Amino acid sequence: MRPFLEVFVPLFVAIDVFGLLPIFLAFTEGQSRPVTRSIALEAVVTAAVVGVVFLLGGPWILQMVGVTVGDFEIAGGVLLVVLSIQDILSSEKRQRRVKAEALGIVPLGIPLIVGPAVLTTLLALTSSHPLSLIFVAYGINLLIVLAVLWTAPWLDRILGRATSRALSKVLMILLAAIGVAMIRRGIFSILR
C-alpha cells in the first residue's frame, strides 16, 4: 500500500481537485446538468490522454535534449514550489466566460487538470516507481476528478466556496513540500 500512496498522494495534490471545483462551477454557471457532465467527461479524457502521452514520451524527450532525471527533478521541484507559492498568495481571480464547447479541452483538461505541476510530478515519479503503478494511481485520481466535477453543484452547497478555497490552499502548501523533496532528491541524484 505504501508504494501506491507514494504515487497517489503527490498526483492528488498536484491535480488539486478542490481548487478546480470553484473554477469549474464558474465556467459552467448557467449550463444544464447534461452539458456540465459532458464538459467534465471531456476534461478528464483530455487530461488522461495528455498524461499518458507525457508518461510514455517524456523520458525519451528528456534523453533527446540531454537532461537527466536529477536535472528534471530539481527543475520540476522549483516549478512546483513557485506554482504553489503563486497559488497561495493569489487572490480570487474573476473567471471569464468561455464557450461550453471549448471548456473541456482548454482550459479545464489542459492546463487546469493536467498542468505543469501534474506533468512534472508524473515524470519525476517514473524515476522511482513502476509505470504500471503510476498509471493506476493517475487513473484513480482522474476518476476522483470526474466524480467531483459531476457532483460539483452538490459539493459546492455542502462545502461552500470558502471551504473549497481553504482546502486548495492547504494542498498547495503540501505541493510546495513535495517540490522541496523533489529538489532534494534531484541534488542527491546528481551528487551520486
Foldseek 3Di string as FASTA:
>chain_A
DVLLCVQQLLLLLLQLLLVVLVVLCLQCPPPDLVLLLVLLVLLLVLLLVVLVCCLVCVVVVCVVVVHDLLNLLQVLLVVLLVVLVCLLPDDDDRDDYDDSVPRNNPPRNPPNRPNSSNSSSSSNVVVPDPPVSNSVSSVVSSVVSSVCSSCSVVVCVVQPSVNSSVVSSVSSVVSNVVSVVSNVVSVVVVVD
